[in-house]
């Protein structure tokens, strides 16, 4: 899907479906993982417009917007997921999510930010 991302060398990487790698998991030894999901964006919406369409109860003004290289996006309220798309040609939307399951300690929030900041799309 034309993206690159940095991740810790000790983590394992696997696509949920090798034939259609729209969902890729980057997993730590603790079982926590960061997932990249690719969604089609045929309407060419910005990440904030796409998010509000998916979750109509959310006010667009309440979203924290982010800009990374040629990407624009939004954080979810809990800052566990960022949705980003290319500014010039938003044909795909990328969700980058940190899942820590039922753990009481959140170990990799900084790793999520590092991975997000390294995310690039051709």
N, C-alpha and C. Protein backbone atom coordinates (compact mmCIF):
# COMPACT_ATOMS: atom_id res chain seq x y z
N UNK A 1 0.82 -1.21 0.00
CA UNK A 1 0.00 0.00 0.00
C UNK A 1 0.85 1.25 0.00
N UNK A 2 2.14 1.08 -0.25
CA UNK A 2 3.01 2.22 -0.46
C UNK A 2 3.38 3.01 0.77
N UNK A 3 3.34 2.39 1.95
CA UNK A 3 3.76 3.11 3.14
C UNK A 3 4.99 2.47 3.75
N UNK A 4 5.69 3.27 4.54
CA UNK A 4 6.82 2.77 5.33
C UNK A 4 6.65 3.29 6.74
N UNK A 5 7.20 2.53 7.69
CA UNK A 5 7.07 2.89 9.10
C UNK A 5 8.24 2.27 9.86
N UNK A 6 8.79 3.01 10.80
CA UNK A 6 9.83 2.48 11.68
C UNK A 6 9.15 1.80 12.86
N UNK A 7 9.79 0.72 13.36
CA UNK A 7 9.26 0.01 14.53
C UNK A 7 10.43 -0.64 15.27
N UNK A 8 10.24 -0.98 16.55
CA UNK A 8 11.32 -1.59 17.32
C UNK A 8 11.77 -2.92 16.70
N UNK A 9 13.08 -3.11 16.61
CA UNK A 9 13.64 -4.31 15.97
C UNK A 9 13.23 -5.60 16.67
N UNK A 10 12.96 -5.55 17.97
CA UNK A 10 12.60 -6.76 18.71
C UNK A 10 11.13 -7.17 18.53
N UNK A 11 10.34 -6.33 17.91
CA UNK A 11 8.92 -6.63 17.71
C UNK A 11 8.73 -7.54 16.50
N UNK A 12 7.68 -8.35 16.54
CA UNK A 12 7.34 -9.18 15.39
C UNK A 12 6.34 -8.43 14.51
N UNK A 13 6.39 -8.72 13.22
CA UNK A 13 5.51 -8.05 12.26
C UNK A 13 4.80 -9.13 11.45
N UNK A 14 3.48 -8.99 11.31
CA UNK A 14 2.75 -9.92 10.46
C UNK A 14 1.46 -9.28 9.97
N UNK A 15 1.10 -9.64 8.76
CA UNK A 15 -0.18 -9.22 8.21
C UNK A 15 -1.24 -10.20 8.70
N UNK A 16 -2.42 -9.70 9.01
CA UNK A 16 -3.50 -10.59 9.44
C UNK A 16 -3.92 -11.52 8.31
N UNK A 17 -3.84 -11.04 7.07
CA UNK A 17 -4.15 -11.84 5.90
C UNK A 17 -3.05 -11.61 4.87
N UNK A 18 -2.22 -12.61 4.66
CA UNK A 18 -1.08 -12.45 3.73
C UNK A 18 -1.53 -12.11 2.32
N UNK A 19 -2.73 -12.54 1.91
CA UNK A 19 -3.22 -12.27 0.56
C UNK A 19 -3.73 -10.84 0.41
N UNK A 20 -4.14 -10.22 1.52
CA UNK A 20 -4.65 -8.85 1.50
C UNK A 20 -4.12 -8.13 2.75
N UNK A 21 -2.88 -7.65 2.67
CA UNK A 21 -2.22 -7.09 3.87
C UNK A 21 -2.69 -5.68 4.25
N UNK A 22 -4.00 -5.48 4.35
CA UNK A 22 -4.54 -4.18 4.77
C UNK A 22 -4.39 -3.96 6.27
N UNK A 23 -4.17 -5.05 7.01
CA UNK A 23 -4.01 -4.96 8.46
C UNK A 23 -2.70 -5.63 8.84
N UNK A 24 -1.79 -4.83 9.41
CA UNK A 24 -0.48 -5.34 9.81
C UNK A 24 -0.30 -5.07 11.30
N UNK A 25 0.15 -6.10 12.02
CA UNK A 25 0.40 -5.98 13.46
C UNK A 25 1.89 -5.94 13.74
N UNK A 26 2.28 -5.00 14.58
CA UNK A 26 3.65 -4.88 15.09
C UNK A 26 3.53 -5.20 16.58
N UNK A 27 4.04 -6.37 17.01
CA UNK A 27 3.75 -6.88 18.34
C UNK A 27 4.98 -6.93 19.23
N UNK A 28 4.83 -6.41 20.46
CA UNK A 28 5.88 -6.44 21.48
C UNK A 28 5.82 -7.77 22.23
N UNK A 29 6.89 -8.08 22.94
CA UNK A 29 6.94 -9.32 23.74
C UNK A 29 5.86 -9.35 24.82
N UNK A 30 5.37 -8.19 25.24
CA UNK A 30 4.33 -8.11 26.27
C UNK A 30 2.95 -8.47 25.74
N UNK A 31 2.81 -8.59 24.41
CA UNK A 31 1.52 -8.85 23.78
C UNK A 31 0.83 -7.59 23.29
N UNK A 32 1.31 -6.43 23.73
CA UNK A 32 0.78 -5.17 23.22
C UNK A 32 1.18 -5.06 21.76
N UNK A 33 0.37 -4.36 20.97
CA UNK A 33 0.72 -4.22 19.56
C UNK A 33 0.23 -2.89 19.01
N UNK A 34 0.88 -2.51 17.92
CA UNK A 34 0.46 -1.35 17.15
C UNK A 34 0.05 -1.89 15.78
N UNK A 35 -1.13 -1.49 15.35
CA UNK A 35 -1.71 -2.01 14.12
C UNK A 35 -1.84 -0.89 13.10
N UNK A 36 -1.51 -1.20 11.86
CA UNK A 36 -1.74 -0.27 10.75
C UNK A 36 -2.83 -0.89 9.89
N UNK A 37 -3.90 -0.14 9.68
CA UNK A 37 -5.02 -0.58 8.85
C UNK A 37 -5.15 0.40 7.68
N UNK A 38 -5.31 -0.14 6.49
CA UNK A 38 -5.50 0.67 5.30
C UNK A 38 -6.96 0.57 4.86
N UNK A 39 -7.59 1.72 4.69
CA UNK A 39 -8.98 1.77 4.22
C UNK A 39 -9.03 2.59 2.94
N UNK A 40 -9.89 2.17 2.03
CA UNK A 40 -10.09 2.96 0.81
C UNK A 40 -10.80 4.26 1.17
N UNK A 41 -10.49 5.30 0.42
CA UNK A 41 -11.08 6.62 0.63
C UNK A 41 -11.50 7.17 -0.74
N UNK A 42 -12.48 6.50 -1.38
CA UNK A 42 -12.82 6.87 -2.76
C UNK A 42 -13.35 8.29 -2.91
N UNK A 43 -13.90 8.86 -1.84
CA UNK A 43 -14.42 10.23 -1.90
C UNK A 43 -13.32 11.27 -1.72
N UNK A 44 -12.10 10.82 -1.38
CA UNK A 44 -10.98 11.74 -1.20
C UNK A 44 -11.16 12.69 -0.03
N UNK A 45 -11.79 12.21 1.03
CA UNK A 45 -12.05 13.06 2.21
C UNK A 45 -10.79 13.25 3.04
N UNK A 46 -10.72 14.35 3.74
CA UNK A 46 -9.66 14.55 4.72
C UNK A 46 -9.89 13.56 5.86
N UNK A 47 -8.87 13.33 6.66
CA UNK A 47 -9.00 12.40 7.78
C UNK A 47 -10.08 12.86 8.76
N UNK A 48 -10.15 14.16 9.03
CA UNK A 48 -11.17 14.65 9.97
C UNK A 48 -12.57 14.48 9.41
N UNK A 49 -12.77 14.75 8.11
CA UNK A 49 -14.09 14.56 7.50
C UNK A 49 -14.48 13.09 7.50
N UNK A 50 -13.52 12.21 7.19
CA UNK A 50 -13.78 10.77 7.21
C UNK A 50 -14.17 10.32 8.61
N UNK A 51 -13.44 10.78 9.62
CA UNK A 51 -13.71 10.37 11.00
C UNK A 51 -15.10 10.82 11.45
N UNK A 52 -15.46 12.04 11.15
CA UNK A 52 -16.78 12.56 11.54
C UNK A 52 -17.88 11.80 10.80
N UNK A 53 -17.62 11.39 9.57
CA UNK A 53 -18.62 10.60 8.84
C UNK A 53 -18.81 9.24 9.51
N UNK A 54 -17.73 8.64 10.01
CA UNK A 54 -17.81 7.35 10.68
C UNK A 54 -18.47 7.47 12.07
N UNK A 55 -18.21 8.58 12.74
CA UNK A 55 -18.70 8.81 14.10
C UNK A 55 -19.41 10.16 14.16
N UNK A 56 -20.66 10.22 13.70
CA UNK A 56 -21.37 11.50 13.56
C UNK A 56 -21.57 12.27 14.87
N UNK A 57 -21.50 11.60 16.01
CA UNK A 57 -21.69 12.30 17.28
C UNK A 57 -20.48 13.16 17.64
N UNK A 58 -19.35 12.93 16.99
CA UNK A 58 -18.13 13.68 17.27
C UNK A 58 -18.18 15.03 16.55
N UNK A 59 -17.84 16.06 17.26
CA UNK A 59 -17.74 17.40 16.68
C UNK A 59 -16.35 17.57 16.09
N UNK A 60 -16.27 18.00 14.85
CA UNK A 60 -14.98 18.14 14.18
C UNK A 60 -14.06 19.08 14.95
N UNK A 61 -14.62 20.08 15.62
CA UNK A 61 -13.80 21.03 16.38
C UNK A 61 -13.12 20.37 17.58
N UNK A 62 -13.65 19.24 18.05
CA UNK A 62 -13.08 18.58 19.22
C UNK A 62 -11.90 17.68 18.87
N UNK A 63 -11.66 17.46 17.59
CA UNK A 63 -10.58 16.58 17.18
C UNK A 63 -9.23 17.30 17.19
N UNK A 64 -8.22 16.60 17.67
CA UNK A 64 -6.86 17.14 17.62
C UNK A 64 -6.25 16.77 16.28
N UNK A 65 -5.94 17.76 15.49
CA UNK A 65 -5.39 17.52 14.16
C UNK A 65 -3.88 17.35 14.24
N UNK A 66 -3.34 16.54 13.32
CA UNK A 66 -1.90 16.31 13.26
C UNK A 66 -1.45 16.44 11.81
N UNK A 67 -0.20 16.82 11.65
CA UNK A 67 0.42 16.94 10.33
C UNK A 67 1.79 16.30 10.40
N UNK A 68 2.05 15.35 9.48
CA UNK A 68 3.32 14.63 9.43
C UNK A 68 3.76 14.58 7.98
N UNK A 69 4.85 15.25 7.65
CA UNK A 69 5.37 15.25 6.29
C UNK A 69 4.25 15.64 5.32
N UNK A 70 3.83 14.76 4.42
CA UNK A 70 2.77 15.07 3.46
C UNK A 70 1.41 14.53 3.90
N UNK A 71 1.28 14.21 5.18
CA UNK A 71 0.06 13.62 5.71
C UNK A 71 -0.65 14.59 6.65
N UNK A 72 -1.98 14.47 6.67
CA UNK A 72 -2.76 15.18 7.67
C UNK A 72 -3.64 14.15 8.34
N UNK A 73 -3.99 14.41 9.59
CA UNK A 73 -4.81 13.44 10.30
C UNK A 73 -5.40 13.96 11.58
N UNK A 74 -5.96 13.02 12.33
CA UNK A 74 -6.57 13.33 13.62
C UNK A 74 -6.25 12.22 14.61
N UNK A 75 -6.19 12.61 15.88
CA UNK A 75 -6.09 11.67 17.00
C UNK A 75 -7.50 11.37 17.51
N UNK A 76 -7.71 10.15 17.97
CA UNK A 76 -8.93 9.86 18.71
C UNK A 76 -8.77 10.50 20.09
N UNK A 77 -9.87 10.64 20.81
CA UNK A 77 -9.85 11.32 22.11
C UNK A 77 -8.88 10.67 23.09
N UNK A 78 -8.79 9.33 23.09
CA UNK A 78 -7.90 8.63 24.01
C UNK A 78 -6.45 8.57 23.53
N UNK A 79 -6.19 9.11 22.36
CA UNK A 79 -4.85 9.14 21.74
C UNK A 79 -4.26 7.74 21.57
N UNK A 80 -5.12 6.76 21.35
CA UNK A 80 -4.67 5.41 21.07
C UNK A 80 -4.68 5.14 19.57
N UNK A 81 -5.36 5.99 18.80
CA UNK A 81 -5.44 5.81 17.36
C UNK A 81 -5.29 7.15 16.65
N UNK A 82 -4.52 7.11 15.57
CA UNK A 82 -4.43 8.27 14.68
C UNK A 82 -4.90 7.81 13.31
N UNK A 83 -5.69 8.64 12.66
CA UNK A 83 -6.12 8.40 11.28
C UNK A 83 -5.45 9.45 10.43
N UNK A 84 -4.75 9.00 9.37
CA UNK A 84 -4.04 9.93 8.51
C UNK A 84 -4.30 9.61 7.05
N UNK A 85 -4.14 10.62 6.22
CA UNK A 85 -4.24 10.48 4.77
C UNK A 85 -3.32 11.50 4.13
N UNK A 86 -2.99 11.27 2.86
CA UNK A 86 -2.14 12.22 2.15
C UNK A 86 -2.92 13.52 1.93
N UNK A 87 -2.24 14.63 2.04
CA UNK A 87 -2.87 15.93 1.86
C UNK A 87 -3.28 16.13 0.40
N UNK A 88 -2.37 15.86 -0.52
CA UNK A 88 -2.62 16.16 -1.94
C UNK A 88 -3.53 15.13 -2.62
N UNK A 89 -3.35 13.85 -2.30
CA UNK A 89 -4.12 12.79 -2.96
C UNK A 89 -4.64 11.79 -1.93
N UNK A 90 -5.70 12.13 -1.24
CA UNK A 90 -6.21 11.27 -0.16
C UNK A 90 -7.03 10.07 -0.67
N UNK A 91 -6.39 9.16 -1.38
CA UNK A 91 -7.09 8.00 -1.93
C UNK A 91 -7.23 6.87 -0.92
N UNK A 92 -6.34 6.82 0.06
CA UNK A 92 -6.39 5.81 1.12
C UNK A 92 -6.33 6.52 2.46
N UNK A 93 -6.90 5.87 3.44
CA UNK A 93 -6.84 6.37 4.81
C UNK A 93 -6.13 5.31 5.64
N UNK A 94 -5.26 5.73 6.53
CA UNK A 94 -4.48 4.81 7.34
C UNK A 94 -4.82 5.02 8.81
N UNK A 95 -5.16 3.94 9.49
CA UNK A 95 -5.40 3.98 10.92
C UNK A 95 -4.23 3.33 11.62
N UNK A 96 -3.65 4.02 12.57
CA UNK A 96 -2.52 3.49 13.34
C UNK A 96 -2.96 3.45 14.79
N UNK A 97 -3.12 2.23 15.32
CA UNK A 97 -3.74 2.01 16.62
C UNK A 97 -2.82 1.28 17.58
N UNK A 98 -2.78 1.74 18.81
CA UNK A 98 -2.04 1.07 19.89
C UNK A 98 -3.05 0.29 20.70
N UNK A 99 -2.83 -1.03 20.79
CA UNK A 99 -3.72 -1.88 21.57
C UNK A 99 -2.95 -2.49 22.73
N UNK A 100 -3.37 -2.18 23.93
CA UNK A 100 -2.68 -2.70 25.11
C UNK A 100 -3.56 -3.69 25.87
N UNK A 101 -4.69 -4.06 25.30
CA UNK A 101 -5.54 -5.10 25.90
C UNK A 101 -6.02 -4.72 27.29
N UNK A 102 -5.92 -5.66 28.19
CA UNK A 102 -6.40 -5.44 29.55
C UNK A 102 -5.27 -5.06 30.51
N UNK A 103 -4.13 -4.73 29.98
CA UNK A 103 -3.00 -4.33 30.83
C UNK A 103 -3.35 -3.04 31.57
N UNK A 104 -2.84 -2.94 32.78
CA UNK A 104 -3.08 -1.73 33.56
C UNK A 104 -2.00 -0.68 33.31
N UNK A 105 -0.84 -1.12 32.81
CA UNK A 105 0.23 -0.20 32.46
C UNK A 105 0.32 -0.08 30.95
N UNK A 106 0.42 1.13 30.47
CA UNK A 106 0.54 1.39 29.05
C UNK A 106 2.02 1.67 28.78
N UNK A 107 2.71 0.70 28.15
CA UNK A 107 4.16 0.77 28.03
C UNK A 107 4.67 1.49 26.78
N UNK A 108 3.87 1.57 25.72
CA UNK A 108 4.43 1.96 24.44
C UNK A 108 3.76 3.18 23.81
N UNK A 109 3.28 4.11 24.60
CA UNK A 109 2.68 5.31 24.04
C UNK A 109 3.72 6.14 23.26
N UNK A 110 4.94 6.23 23.78
CA UNK A 110 6.01 6.95 23.08
C UNK A 110 6.38 6.21 21.79
N UNK A 111 6.35 4.89 21.82
CA UNK A 111 6.63 4.10 20.62
C UNK A 111 5.58 4.38 19.55
N UNK A 112 4.32 4.48 19.96
CA UNK A 112 3.25 4.83 19.01
C UNK A 112 3.56 6.17 18.35
N UNK A 113 3.93 7.15 19.13
CA UNK A 113 4.24 8.48 18.57
C UNK A 113 5.44 8.41 17.63
N UNK A 114 6.46 7.64 17.99
CA UNK A 114 7.63 7.49 17.13
C UNK A 114 7.23 6.84 15.81
N UNK A 115 6.43 5.77 15.89
CA UNK A 115 6.00 5.08 14.68
C UNK A 115 5.15 6.00 13.80
N UNK A 116 4.26 6.73 14.43
CA UNK A 116 3.41 7.67 13.68
C UNK A 116 4.26 8.75 13.00
N UNK A 117 5.23 9.30 13.73
CA UNK A 117 6.08 10.35 13.16
C UNK A 117 6.97 9.84 12.02
N UNK A 118 7.23 8.54 12.00
CA UNK A 118 8.05 7.96 10.93
C UNK A 118 7.21 7.52 9.73
N UNK A 119 5.91 7.51 9.87
CA UNK A 119 5.01 6.99 8.84
C UNK A 119 5.08 7.85 7.57
N UNK A 120 5.34 7.19 6.45
CA UNK A 120 5.41 7.87 5.16
C UNK A 120 4.61 7.09 4.13
N UNK A 121 4.01 7.81 3.19
CA UNK A 121 3.25 7.19 2.11
C UNK A 121 3.80 7.71 0.79
N UNK A 122 4.03 6.79 -0.15
CA UNK A 122 4.56 7.19 -1.47
C UNK A 122 3.59 8.09 -2.19
